[in-house]
Amino acid sequence: MATPPSMDDDLVGRELTSRIATNKNQQHPQRPLSTTEKDDTVFTNSLAATNDTAARTDAGTYHRQYEKRERVVITKNVIVIGLAFMIHFTAFHGTSNLQSSVNSDKALGTTTLAVIYGSLILSNIVLPMSVIRWFGVKLTMALSFFAYMPYIAAQFYPRFITLIPAGLMVGFGGGPLWCAKCTYLSTVAEALTFVSGQKSQKDDNTVKFFGLFFIFYQMAQVWGNLISSSVLSLGGPGENATATGNETDTSHLVGQLCGAKFCPSVKAEVNPNLTPPEPSKIQLLNSIFLACMVGAVLLIIFGVDSLKRYGAKKGESGGKDSSGWKLLLSTLSMLKKRRLLLMLPITMFIGLEEAFLAVDFTKSFVACGWGISNIGFAMICFGVANAIAAGFAGGIAEKFGRINLAILCAFLNLSLFGYMYFYEAKQGDYMKYCAFAAIWGICDGVWLVVINAFYGILFPKDLIAGYSNFRLWESTGSVIGYIISSQFCTSLKLIILICVLLIGCTGYGICEYRVNKKYKQLEVVISEK
């Protein structure tokens, strides 16, 4: 591990920038820089600026040297945030995974999810900077958790008039929530490099902290779906007997109507597996989930240290002090940067595949072929695999490289989509449904850790704006996924996923190549000294 850059490294970074500019001017004295060259020079300046920040840090301008025990405090904060998100999203995911099946009348459930992620787009580009500046990172997370509660409360009376406004509140709370979380993790990852006796780089710490966070976050899928399946399966002997009796009658329908062959026109009248649970069970489930969200808020308030501990002030963590509208302009201006444009397809793919999993996989495969009450059991497999993959992704990426890990993940993802496309669904084929969910969880966990961390590496001086862009385009992918869920058959949506993944991997690969090239140029200049 390398120690934090010194002021000499800053001079080297500036020297590299000067050499690049000088060489280009000597070769083409009258030619203006192209868009690619400008972006390259800006990114090189960003690296030099990062070194400059570290250099001034050594002089005591920004950070002080922390004692060794601060490593424990930092790790504790990351774990508590992970626990709070796990408890909170146990409720949210457990509810959302049932929307397309429980609230299927007039596509109420999928429409609500589309509204959530549609409002999240606006939230991401307008609210994060202002909310974080007003309340600070810690309090922003707590207040954003509150914004999710009406969504659970509305499930007691699920109508368009209750769920749509509640969905809007979730979206408006989600933007500040995720930007605050990302800013907190990136800030403490940098603070860890200034702990006495700690030899680490911010990039490595960022990947590890995101991996640790997503272990807890993805376990929300496990607990949320375990709770939902347990509650919906209550009073089971008679119901299980009925399900068994229907197996012979519905087995031929499952092969014809489920899996990739599933279309939105298939209802409970055609396939009894799609019959919604009793209202009393839904109400019990909602009560449990509402209590979970209250507990998450308390955990953030009383269990997480403020970033003031590390010298950060309100509105100064990871970005310039500007209003939400200025963040909007900043977000739009960032689209001029080629490295961001290259990341958009893979970012949108993450949102698209998550929407497919929550709506299409749960209904087309699990509910249609196994029953609504079993959705949770399949999604538990997703949650466990997702948490394990997120936990190991950081270490694997550090040892074998992010690009190698991404290539392996892309190959696994494409293989899964292809198999699901040709798979013929069978009644009660729980082994296949759980296997699909588990492999999906592995891929999703890797993508989340790698891409989240990579955004922090790409935009170290504009963390809030960078992560706002991530959530913006991830949410755009989710909205597209929820909109097409009620319009197209599952087979076509699988083809769309394959195409977007291929385009996204191409853009991500080019972006990684350009970043690595810049780092190598810096290393060459340093070694020549």
Protein backbone atom coordinates (compact mmCIF):
# COMPACT_ATOMS: atom_id res chain seq x y z
CA MET A 1 0.00 0.00 0.00
CA ALA A 2 1.25 3.50 -0.80
CA THR A 3 1.28 6.29 1.74
CA PRO A 4 -0.73 9.49 1.11
CA PRO A 5 0.81 11.60 -1.69
CA SER A 6 3.31 14.24 -0.71
CA MET A 7 3.73 17.76 -2.06
CA ASP A 8 6.37 16.42 -4.44
CA ASP A 9 3.72 14.21 -5.97
CA ASP A 10 1.61 17.30 -6.49
CA LEU A 11 4.45 18.93 -8.40
CA VAL A 12 4.80 15.76 -10.45
CA GLY A 13 1.10 15.81 -11.27
CA ARG A 14 1.35 19.40 -12.37
CA GLU A 15 4.49 18.56 -14.35
CA LEU A 16 2.63 15.77 -16.15
CA THR A 17 -0.19 18.14 -17.03
CA SER A 18 2.32 20.68 -18.27
CA ARG A 19 4.16 18.06 -20.36
CA ILE A 20 0.96 16.84 -22.00
CA ALA A 21 -0.11 20.37 -22.85
CA THR A 22 3.41 21.32 -24.06
CA ASN A 23 3.77 18.26 -26.29
CA LYS A 24 0.38 18.85 -27.88
CA ASN A 25 1.12 22.54 -28.46
CA GLN A 26 4.48 21.72 -30.02
CA GLN A 27 2.91 19.21 -32.40
CA HIS A 28 -0.17 21.28 -33.20
CA PRO A 29 0.54 24.89 -32.11
CA GLN A 30 -2.61 26.39 -33.68
CA ARG A 31 -5.04 23.49 -33.12
CA PRO A 32 -7.51 23.77 -30.24
CA LEU A 33 -7.84 20.77 -27.92
CA SER A 34 -10.46 18.21 -28.85
CA THR A 35 -13.22 17.19 -26.45
CA THR A 36 -11.33 14.01 -25.55
CA GLU A 37 -8.08 15.90 -24.93
CA LYS A 38 -9.84 18.45 -22.76
CA ASP A 39 -11.44 15.69 -20.71
CA ASP A 40 -8.08 13.93 -20.36
CA THR A 41 -6.40 17.11 -19.19
CA VAL A 42 -9.23 17.87 -16.75
CA PHE A 43 -8.98 14.37 -15.28
CA THR A 44 -5.19 14.68 -14.96
CA ASN A 45 -5.68 18.02 -13.20
CA SER A 46 -8.17 16.27 -10.92
CA LEU A 47 -5.52 13.75 -9.94
CA ALA A 48 -3.04 16.54 -9.33
CA ALA A 49 -5.64 18.42 -7.30
CA THR A 50 -6.25 15.32 -5.21
CA ASN A 51 -2.51 15.14 -4.53
CA ASP A 52 -2.53 18.84 -3.69
CA THR A 53 -5.31 18.28 -1.17
CA ALA A 54 -3.34 15.49 0.47
CA ALA A 55 -0.21 17.65 0.48
CA ARG A 56 -1.95 20.50 2.22
CA THR A 57 -3.47 17.94 4.55
CA ASP A 58 0.07 17.03 5.65
CA ALA A 59 0.56 20.69 6.45
CA GLY A 60 -2.50 20.60 8.69
CA THR A 61 -4.87 22.62 6.50
CA TYR A 62 -7.64 20.06 6.12
CA HIS A 63 -7.07 17.03 8.34
CA ARG A 64 -5.19 16.19 11.45
CA GLN A 65 -3.47 12.89 12.12
CA TYR A 66 -5.83 10.54 13.96
CA GLU A 67 -4.97 8.05 16.66
CA LYS A 68 -5.03 4.34 15.91
CA ARG A 69 -8.32 3.79 17.75
CA GLU A 70 -10.02 6.05 15.20
CA ARG A 71 -9.96 3.12 12.79
CA VAL A 72 -12.37 1.31 15.13
CA VAL A 73 -14.62 4.36 15.33
CA ILE A 74 -14.72 4.74 11.55
CA THR A 75 -15.49 1.05 11.05
CA LYS A 76 -18.20 1.24 13.73
CA ASN A 77 -19.90 4.11 11.91
CA VAL A 78 -19.88 2.24 8.60
CA ILE A 79 -21.34 -0.85 10.28
CA VAL A 80 -24.09 1.12 12.07
CA ILE A 81 -25.07 2.85 8.83
CA GLY A 82 -25.18 -0.55 7.16
CA LEU A 83 -27.38 -1.94 9.93
CA ALA A 84 -29.75 1.03 9.74
CA PHE A 85 -30.09 0.68 5.97
CA MET A 86 -30.60 -3.07 6.36
CA ILE A 87 -33.46 -2.61 8.83
CA HIS A 88 -35.02 0.21 6.84
CA PHE A 89 -34.85 -1.54 3.47
CA THR A 90 -36.00 -4.81 5.02
CA ALA A 91 -39.36 -3.06 5.10
CA PHE A 92 -39.06 -1.29 1.75
CA HIS A 93 -37.82 -4.25 -0.29
CA GLY A 94 -40.17 -6.67 1.43
CA THR A 95 -43.07 -4.46 0.40
CA SER A 96 -41.83 -3.55 -3.09
CA ASN A 97 -41.16 -7.15 -4.12
CA LEU A 98 -44.87 -7.91 -3.67
CA GLN A 99 -46.25 -4.86 -5.49
CA SER A 100 -46.61 -6.37 -8.95
CA SER A 101 -48.44 -9.40 -7.52
CA VAL A 102 -50.41 -8.06 -4.52
CA ASN A 103 -51.42 -4.70 -6.02
CA SER A 104 -51.80 -5.94 -9.59
CA ASP A 105 -55.25 -4.42 -10.21
CA LYS A 106 -54.89 -1.74 -12.94
CA ALA A 107 -51.10 -2.06 -12.53
CA LEU A 108 -51.31 -0.12 -9.24
CA GLY A 109 -48.16 -1.68 -7.79
CA THR A 110 -45.91 -1.18 -10.81
CA THR A 111 -47.29 2.34 -11.38
CA THR A 112 -46.39 3.24 -7.79
CA LEU A 113 -42.87 1.89 -8.26
CA ALA A 114 -42.53 3.91 -11.48
CA VAL A 115 -43.64 7.03 -9.58
CA ILE A 116 -41.07 6.33 -6.84
CA TYR A 117 -38.17 6.13 -9.23
CA GLY A 118 -39.51 8.91 -11.45
CA SER A 119 -39.60 11.32 -8.51
CA LEU A 120 -36.20 10.00 -7.48
CA ILE A 121 -34.81 11.35 -10.75
CA LEU A 122 -35.97 14.87 -9.89
CA SER A 123 -34.86 14.41 -6.29
CA ASN A 124 -31.36 13.42 -7.33
CA ILE A 125 -30.74 16.56 -9.36
CA VAL A 126 -32.45 19.16 -7.16
CA LEU A 127 -32.52 18.15 -3.49
CA PRO A 128 -29.29 16.44 -2.28
CA MET A 129 -26.98 19.47 -2.15
CA SER A 130 -29.50 21.75 -0.46
CA VAL A 131 -30.76 19.16 2.05
CA ILE A 132 -27.24 18.06 3.01
CA ARG A 133 -26.16 21.69 3.37
CA TRP A 134 -29.12 22.50 5.60
CA PHE A 135 -29.10 19.44 7.84
CA GLY A 136 -25.70 17.77 7.45
CA VAL A 137 -25.04 14.25 6.22
CA LYS A 138 -26.13 12.37 9.36
CA LEU A 139 -29.45 14.16 9.90
CA THR A 140 -30.21 13.98 6.17
CA MET A 141 -30.12 10.18 6.37
CA ALA A 142 -32.48 10.16 9.37
CA LEU A 143 -34.98 12.58 7.80
CA SER A 144 -34.91 10.70 4.50
CA PHE A 145 -35.84 7.49 6.34
CA PHE A 146 -38.95 9.30 7.61
CA ALA A 147 -39.99 10.06 4.03
CA TYR A 148 -40.36 6.32 3.32
CA MET A 149 -42.85 5.67 6.13
CA PRO A 150 -46.03 6.91 4.36
CA TYR A 151 -45.38 4.35 1.63
CA ILE A 152 -45.70 1.51 4.14
CA ALA A 153 -48.68 3.17 5.85
CA ALA A 154 -50.46 3.49 2.49
CA GLN A 155 -50.37 -0.29 2.09
CA PHE A 156 -53.17 -0.50 4.69
CA TYR A 157 -55.45 1.19 2.15
CA PRO A 158 -53.85 0.60 -1.28
CA ARG A 159 -55.46 2.98 -3.77
CA PHE A 160 -54.04 5.35 -6.34
CA ILE A 161 -54.99 8.28 -4.10
CA THR A 162 -52.84 6.92 -1.24
CA LEU A 163 -49.98 5.09 -2.93
CA ILE A 164 -49.07 7.69 -5.56
CA PRO A 165 -48.44 10.58 -3.09
CA ALA A 166 -46.61 8.15 -0.78
CA GLY A 167 -44.48 7.03 -3.71
CA LEU A 168 -43.59 10.65 -4.46
CA MET A 169 -42.38 11.10 -0.89
CA VAL A 170 -40.16 8.03 -1.17
CA GLY A 171 -38.61 9.39 -4.35
CA PHE A 172 -37.99 12.83 -2.89
CA GLY A 173 -36.41 11.28 0.20
CA GLY A 174 -34.32 8.80 -1.75
CA GLY A 175 -32.10 11.33 -3.53
CA PRO A 176 -30.70 13.00 -0.39
CA LEU A 177 -30.56 9.62 1.40
CA TRP A 178 -28.27 7.87 -1.06
CA CYS A 179 -26.10 10.91 -1.75
CA ALA A 180 -25.65 11.41 2.00
CA LYS A 181 -24.71 7.76 2.47
CA CYS A 182 -22.20 7.81 -0.38
CA THR A 183 -20.71 11.09 0.85
CA TYR A 184 -20.33 9.73 4.38
CA LEU A 185 -18.58 6.54 3.24
CA SER A 186 -16.24 8.39 0.89
CA THR A 187 -15.37 10.97 3.55
CA VAL A 188 -14.49 8.41 6.23
CA ALA A 189 -12.58 6.39 3.63
CA GLU A 190 -10.35 9.41 3.14
CA ALA A 191 -10.12 10.04 6.90
CA LEU A 192 -8.87 6.48 7.39
CA THR A 193 -5.75 7.30 5.36
CA PHE A 194 -4.75 9.77 8.10
CA VAL A 195 -4.93 7.31 10.98
CA SER A 196 -1.56 6.76 12.68
CA GLY A 197 0.11 3.56 11.53
CA GLN A 198 -2.51 3.08 8.79
CA LYS A 199 -1.03 2.59 5.33
CA SER A 200 -3.88 2.66 2.85
CA GLN A 201 -5.16 4.52 -0.16
CA LYS A 202 -8.53 6.21 -0.37
CA ASP A 203 -9.48 4.19 -3.47
CA ASP A 204 -8.97 0.88 -1.66
CA ASN A 205 -10.75 2.12 1.47
CA THR A 206 -13.69 3.32 -0.60
CA VAL A 207 -14.16 -0.06 -2.26
CA LYS A 208 -13.87 -1.87 1.08
CA PHE A 209 -16.35 0.41 2.85
CA PHE A 210 -18.87 0.16 0.04
CA GLY A 211 -18.46 -3.61 0.12
CA LEU A 212 -19.00 -3.68 3.89
CA PHE A 213 -22.05 -1.44 3.57
CA PHE A 214 -23.63 -3.55 0.85
CA ILE A 215 -23.23 -6.71 2.91
CA PHE A 216 -25.73 -5.23 5.35
CA TYR A 217 -27.83 -3.49 2.73
CA GLN A 218 -28.37 -6.60 0.63
CA MET A 219 -29.23 -8.64 3.71
CA ALA A 220 -32.38 -6.51 3.77
CA GLN A 221 -33.58 -8.72 0.93
CA VAL A 222 -33.12 -11.77 3.17
CA TRP A 223 -34.93 -10.44 6.22
CA GLY A 224 -37.63 -8.60 4.30
CA ASN A 225 -38.52 -11.61 2.21
CA LEU A 226 -38.22 -14.03 5.13
CA ILE A 227 -40.71 -11.92 7.06
CA SER A 228 -43.09 -11.56 4.12
CA SER A 229 -43.06 -15.26 3.20
CA SER A 230 -43.49 -16.32 6.84
CA VAL A 231 -46.46 -13.99 7.38
CA LEU A 232 -48.13 -14.81 4.06
CA SER A 233 -47.75 -18.54 4.71
CA LEU A 234 -49.48 -18.41 8.11
CA GLY A 235 -52.42 -20.78 8.63
CA GLY A 236 -50.89 -23.01 6.03
CA PRO A 237 -52.15 -26.61 6.27
CA GLY A 238 -55.44 -26.00 4.50
CA GLU A 239 -53.94 -23.57 2.05
CA ASN A 240 -51.01 -25.85 1.29
CA ALA A 241 -53.40 -28.68 0.59
CA THR A 242 -55.29 -26.45 -1.79
CA ALA A 243 -52.08 -25.48 -3.52
CA THR A 244 -51.15 -29.13 -3.89
CA GLY A 245 -54.53 -29.91 -5.31
CA ASN A 246 -54.16 -27.18 -7.88
CA GLU A 247 -50.73 -28.40 -8.95
CA THR A 248 -52.08 -30.94 -11.44
CA ASP A 249 -54.53 -28.45 -12.91
CA THR A 250 -52.04 -25.62 -13.32
CA SER A 251 -48.89 -27.52 -14.31
CA HIS A 252 -49.70 -27.38 -18.02
CA LEU A 253 -50.58 -23.68 -17.74
CA VAL A 254 -47.25 -22.86 -16.09
CA GLY A 255 -45.26 -24.20 -19.02
CA GLN A 256 -47.37 -22.23 -21.48
CA LEU A 257 -47.76 -18.94 -19.60
CA CYS A 258 -44.84 -18.50 -17.17
CA GLY A 259 -41.14 -17.70 -17.39
CA ALA A 260 -39.99 -15.85 -20.50
CA LYS A 261 -43.39 -16.61 -22.09
CA PHE A 262 -45.23 -14.58 -19.46
CA CYS A 263 -47.20 -11.55 -20.65
CA PRO A 264 -48.98 -8.85 -18.58
CA SER A 265 -52.39 -10.08 -19.73
CA VAL A 266 -52.11 -13.25 -17.60
CA LYS A 267 -54.25 -12.84 -14.44
CA ALA A 268 -55.34 -14.92 -11.44
CA GLU A 269 -58.44 -16.06 -13.35
CA VAL A 270 -56.16 -17.86 -15.79
CA ASN A 271 -53.48 -19.02 -13.31
CA PRO A 272 -54.59 -19.61 -9.67
CA ASN A 273 -50.95 -19.18 -8.53
CA LEU A 274 -51.45 -15.43 -8.99
CA THR A 275 -54.28 -15.16 -6.43
CA PRO A 276 -53.39 -12.39 -3.86
CA PRO A 277 -53.03 -13.22 -0.10
CA GLU A 278 -55.70 -12.39 2.50
CA PRO A 279 -55.95 -8.68 3.53
CA SER A 280 -55.39 -9.52 7.23
CA LYS A 281 -51.97 -11.00 6.43
CA ILE A 282 -51.02 -7.94 4.41
CA GLN A 283 -51.95 -5.66 7.31
CA LEU A 284 -49.88 -7.68 9.78
CA LEU A 285 -46.94 -7.54 7.40
CA ASN A 286 -47.25 -3.77 7.00
CA SER A 287 -47.29 -3.27 10.80
CA ILE A 288 -44.02 -5.17 11.16
CA PHE A 289 -42.39 -3.21 8.34
CA LEU A 290 -43.48 0.15 9.75
CA ALA A 291 -41.86 -0.72 13.09
CA CYS A 292 -38.63 -1.59 11.25
CA MET A 293 -38.45 1.88 9.71
CA VAL A 294 -38.89 3.57 13.07
CA GLY A 295 -36.02 1.49 14.47
CA ALA A 296 -33.75 2.47 11.57
CA VAL A 297 -34.28 6.18 12.23
CA LEU A 298 -33.35 5.78 15.89
CA LEU A 299 -30.22 3.82 14.95
CA ILE A 300 -28.95 6.62 12.70
CA ILE A 301 -29.69 9.35 15.24
CA PHE A 302 -28.07 7.67 18.23
CA GLY A 303 -25.51 5.34 16.66
CA VAL A 304 -23.66 7.36 13.98
CA ASP A 305 -21.05 10.08 14.58
CA SER A 306 -21.34 13.36 12.72
CA LEU A 307 -18.83 14.11 9.96
CA LYS A 308 -17.83 17.16 12.00
CA ARG A 309 -15.55 14.69 13.76
CA TYR A 310 -13.49 14.63 10.57
CA GLY A 311 -13.54 18.37 9.92
CA ALA A 312 -16.53 18.39 7.56
CA LYS A 313 -19.13 21.13 7.87
CA LYS A 314 -22.71 21.13 6.67
CA GLY A 315 -22.79 21.31 2.90
CA GLU A 316 -19.03 20.93 2.55
CA SER A 317 -18.75 17.13 2.38
CA GLY A 318 -17.66 16.11 -1.06
CA GLY A 319 -18.85 19.03 -3.12
CA LYS A 320 -19.16 22.76 -3.55
CA ASP A 321 -21.56 24.73 -1.38
CA SER A 322 -24.38 25.41 -3.81
CA SER A 323 -28.12 25.20 -4.04
CA GLY A 324 -30.13 22.35 -5.47
CA TRP A 325 -30.65 24.26 -8.70
CA LYS A 326 -26.93 24.86 -8.97
CA LEU A 327 -26.50 21.12 -8.45
CA LEU A 328 -28.89 20.64 -11.36
CA LEU A 329 -26.68 22.84 -13.51
CA SER A 330 -23.63 21.01 -12.18
CA THR A 331 -25.24 17.67 -13.01
CA LEU A 332 -26.00 18.79 -16.55
CA SER A 333 -22.53 20.27 -16.99
CA MET A 334 -20.99 16.96 -15.90
CA LEU A 335 -22.60 15.38 -18.95
CA LYS A 336 -19.92 17.16 -20.97
CA LYS A 337 -17.37 14.87 -19.35
CA ARG A 338 -16.78 11.85 -21.50
CA ARG A 339 -16.01 9.57 -18.58
CA LEU A 340 -19.51 10.21 -17.20
CA LEU A 341 -21.15 9.60 -20.58
CA LEU A 342 -19.30 6.31 -20.83
CA MET A 343 -20.68 5.26 -17.44
CA LEU A 344 -24.33 6.06 -18.18
CA PRO A 345 -25.29 2.78 -19.92
CA ILE A 346 -23.93 0.50 -17.16
CA THR A 347 -25.49 2.78 -14.53
CA MET A 348 -28.88 2.58 -16.25
CA PHE A 349 -28.47 -1.17 -16.57
CA ILE A 350 -28.24 -1.49 -12.77
CA GLY A 351 -31.58 0.26 -12.40
CA LEU A 352 -33.11 -1.70 -15.26
CA GLU A 353 -32.10 -5.11 -13.92
CA GLU A 354 -33.25 -4.22 -10.41
CA ALA A 355 -36.66 -3.23 -11.78
CA PHE A 356 -36.87 -6.48 -13.76
CA LEU A 357 -36.02 -8.48 -10.66
CA ALA A 358 -38.55 -6.71 -8.43
CA VAL A 359 -41.43 -6.82 -10.91
CA ASP A 360 -40.91 -9.26 -13.77
CA PHE A 361 -38.87 -12.04 -12.19
CA THR A 362 -41.04 -12.20 -9.08
CA LYS A 363 -44.25 -12.34 -11.11
CA SER A 364 -43.23 -14.07 -14.38
CA PHE A 365 -41.20 -16.85 -12.80
CA VAL A 366 -41.83 -17.19 -9.04
CA ALA A 367 -45.45 -16.11 -8.55
CA CYS A 368 -46.64 -17.60 -11.84
CA GLY A 369 -44.85 -20.91 -11.40
CA TRP A 370 -44.69 -21.31 -7.61
CA GLY A 371 -47.20 -18.94 -5.98
CA ILE A 372 -47.22 -15.40 -4.56
CA SER A 373 -46.57 -16.56 -0.99
CA ASN A 374 -43.28 -18.10 -2.13
CA ILE A 375 -41.83 -14.92 -3.67
CA GLY A 376 -40.03 -14.19 -0.43
CA PHE A 377 -38.32 -17.57 -0.29
CA ALA A 378 -36.83 -17.10 -3.76
CA MET A 379 -35.77 -13.55 -2.95
CA ILE A 380 -34.04 -14.74 0.22
CA CYS A 381 -31.64 -16.61 -2.06
CA PHE A 382 -31.08 -13.37 -3.93
CA GLY A 383 -30.40 -11.47 -0.71
CA VAL A 384 -27.92 -14.00 0.71
CA ALA A 385 -25.98 -14.27 -2.55
CA ASN A 386 -26.08 -10.50 -2.97
CA ALA A 387 -24.68 -9.86 0.49
CA ILE A 388 -21.90 -12.42 0.08
CA ALA A 389 -20.96 -11.05 -3.34
CA ALA A 390 -20.93 -7.46 -2.05
CA GLY A 391 -18.78 -8.49 0.91
CA PHE A 392 -16.14 -10.23 -1.17
CA ALA A 393 -16.24 -7.90 -4.19
CA GLY A 394 -13.96 -5.29 -2.62
CA GLY A 395 -11.25 -7.79 -1.67
CA ILE A 396 -11.47 -9.62 -4.99
CA ALA A 397 -11.28 -6.35 -6.91
CA GLU A 398 -8.22 -5.30 -4.92
CA LYS A 399 -6.45 -8.61 -5.56
CA PHE A 400 -7.44 -9.38 -9.16
CA GLY A 401 -8.51 -5.95 -10.41
CA ARG A 402 -11.85 -4.25 -10.93
CA ILE A 403 -11.84 -4.88 -14.67
CA ASN A 404 -11.28 -8.64 -14.32
CA LEU A 405 -14.08 -8.83 -11.77
CA ALA A 406 -16.40 -6.84 -14.02
CA ILE A 407 -15.64 -9.08 -17.01
CA LEU A 408 -16.44 -12.20 -14.97
CA CYS A 409 -19.64 -10.60 -13.68
CA ALA A 410 -20.75 -9.59 -17.19
CA PHE A 411 -20.18 -13.11 -18.52
CA LEU A 412 -22.20 -14.61 -15.66
CA ASN A 413 -24.98 -12.06 -16.16
CA LEU A 414 -25.25 -12.72 -19.89
CA SER A 415 -25.27 -16.48 -19.34
CA LEU A 416 -28.10 -16.12 -16.81
CA PHE A 417 -30.22 -13.99 -19.12
CA GLY A 418 -29.71 -16.41 -21.98
CA TYR A 419 -30.68 -19.44 -19.89
CA MET A 420 -33.77 -17.71 -18.52
CA TYR A 421 -34.84 -16.81 -22.05
CA PHE A 422 -34.89 -20.44 -23.19
CA TYR A 423 -36.00 -21.97 -19.88
CA GLU A 424 -39.42 -23.67 -19.88
CA ALA A 425 -41.14 -22.91 -16.57
CA LYS A 426 -42.44 -25.79 -14.44
CA GLN A 427 -44.93 -25.86 -11.59
CA GLY A 428 -43.13 -25.65 -8.21
CA ASP A 429 -39.64 -25.77 -9.76
CA TYR A 430 -38.25 -23.96 -6.72
CA MET A 431 -34.67 -25.13 -7.24
CA LYS A 432 -34.43 -23.29 -10.56
CA TYR A 433 -36.25 -20.19 -9.30
CA CYS A 434 -33.95 -19.95 -6.28
CA ALA A 435 -30.87 -20.57 -8.44
CA PHE A 436 -31.89 -17.77 -10.81
CA ALA A 437 -32.33 -15.43 -7.86
CA ALA A 438 -28.99 -16.41 -6.30
CA ILE A 439 -26.97 -15.90 -9.49
CA TRP A 440 -28.78 -12.61 -10.04
CA GLY A 441 -27.82 -11.60 -6.52
CA ILE A 442 -24.14 -12.31 -7.14
CA CYS A 443 -24.08 -10.17 -10.27
CA ASP A 444 -26.08 -7.33 -8.73
CA GLY A 445 -23.84 -7.26 -5.64
CA VAL A 446 -20.69 -7.00 -7.74
CA TRP A 447 -22.10 -4.28 -10.00
CA LEU A 448 -23.24 -2.17 -7.06
CA VAL A 449 -19.89 -2.27 -5.26
CA VAL A 450 -17.69 -1.81 -8.32
CA ILE A 451 -19.70 0.96 -9.99
CA ASN A 452 -20.44 2.87 -6.76
CA ALA A 453 -16.78 2.84 -5.79
CA PHE A 454 -15.69 3.75 -9.32
CA TYR A 455 -17.86 6.88 -9.24
CA GLY A 456 -16.02 7.95 -6.10
CA ILE A 457 -12.72 7.42 -7.89
CA LEU A 458 -13.84 9.27 -11.03
CA PHE A 459 -15.16 12.34 -9.25
CA PRO A 460 -13.16 12.78 -6.00
CA LYS A 461 -13.69 16.55 -5.88
CA ASP A 462 -17.45 16.46 -6.64
CA LEU A 463 -18.74 13.51 -4.66
CA ILE A 464 -22.30 14.79 -4.17
CA ALA A 465 -22.69 15.75 -7.83
CA GLY A 466 -21.07 12.49 -8.94
CA TYR A 467 -23.25 10.25 -6.79
CA SER A 468 -26.26 12.36 -7.68
CA ASN A 469 -25.58 11.48 -11.30
CA PHE A 470 -25.28 7.80 -10.37
CA ARG A 471 -28.66 7.77 -8.64
CA LEU A 472 -30.17 9.90 -11.42
CA TRP A 473 -29.33 7.49 -14.20
CA GLU A 474 -29.87 4.38 -12.11
CA SER A 475 -33.34 5.69 -11.35
CA THR A 476 -33.90 6.44 -15.03
CA GLY A 477 -33.16 2.81 -15.80
CA SER A 478 -35.57 1.69 -13.07
CA VAL A 479 -38.37 3.92 -14.37
CA ILE A 480 -37.92 2.53 -17.86
CA GLY A 481 -38.03 -0.99 -16.41
CA TYR A 482 -41.25 -0.34 -14.49
CA ILE A 483 -42.92 1.33 -17.47
CA ILE A 484 -42.18 -1.49 -19.90
CA SER A 485 -43.11 -4.14 -17.31
CA SER A 486 -46.81 -3.71 -18.05
CA GLN A 487 -46.31 -3.27 -21.79
CA PHE A 488 -44.12 -6.12 -23.05
CA CYS A 489 -43.75 -9.84 -22.52
CA THR A 490 -40.84 -11.11 -20.42
CA SER A 491 -38.93 -12.52 -23.39
CA LEU A 492 -38.57 -9.10 -25.00
CA LYS A 493 -37.49 -7.54 -21.71
CA LEU A 494 -34.73 -10.15 -21.35
CA ILE A 495 -33.43 -9.20 -24.80
CA ILE A 496 -33.44 -5.54 -23.79
CA LEU A 497 -31.41 -6.38 -20.67
CA ILE A 498 -28.83 -8.24 -22.75
CA CYS A 499 -28.42 -5.35 -25.18
CA VAL A 500 -28.10 -2.68 -22.47
CA LEU A 501 -25.57 -4.81 -20.56
CA LEU A 502 -23.38 -5.22 -23.65
CA ILE A 503 -23.43 -1.49 -24.35
CA GLY A 504 -22.81 -0.69 -20.69
CA CYS A 505 -19.82 -3.02 -20.39
CA THR A 506 -18.28 -1.46 -23.48
CA GLY A 507 -18.56 2.06 -22.06
CA TYR A 508 -17.31 0.99 -18.63
CA GLY A 509 -14.33 -0.83 -20.15
CA ILE A 510 -13.31 2.23 -22.16
CA CYS A 511 -13.62 4.43 -19.08
CA GLU A 512 -11.47 2.06 -16.97
CA TYR A 513 -8.84 1.96 -19.72
CA ARG A 514 -8.60 5.75 -19.85
CA VAL A 515 -8.40 6.09 -16.05
CA ASN A 516 -5.68 3.42 -15.78
CA LYS A 517 -3.78 5.11 -18.58
CA LYS A 518 -3.72 8.37 -16.65
CA TYR A 519 -2.54 6.68 -13.47
CA LYS A 520 0.24 4.95 -15.38
CA GLN A 521 1.37 8.27 -16.84
CA LEU A 522 1.60 9.69 -13.34
CA GLU A 523 3.58 6.67 -12.15
CA VAL A 524 6.02 6.97 -15.06
CA VAL A 525 6.71 10.63 -14.34
CA ILE A 526 7.17 9.89 -10.62
CA SER A 527 9.61 7.05 -11.38
CA GLU A 528 11.59 9.31 -13.75
CA LYS A 529 12.22 11.71 -10.91
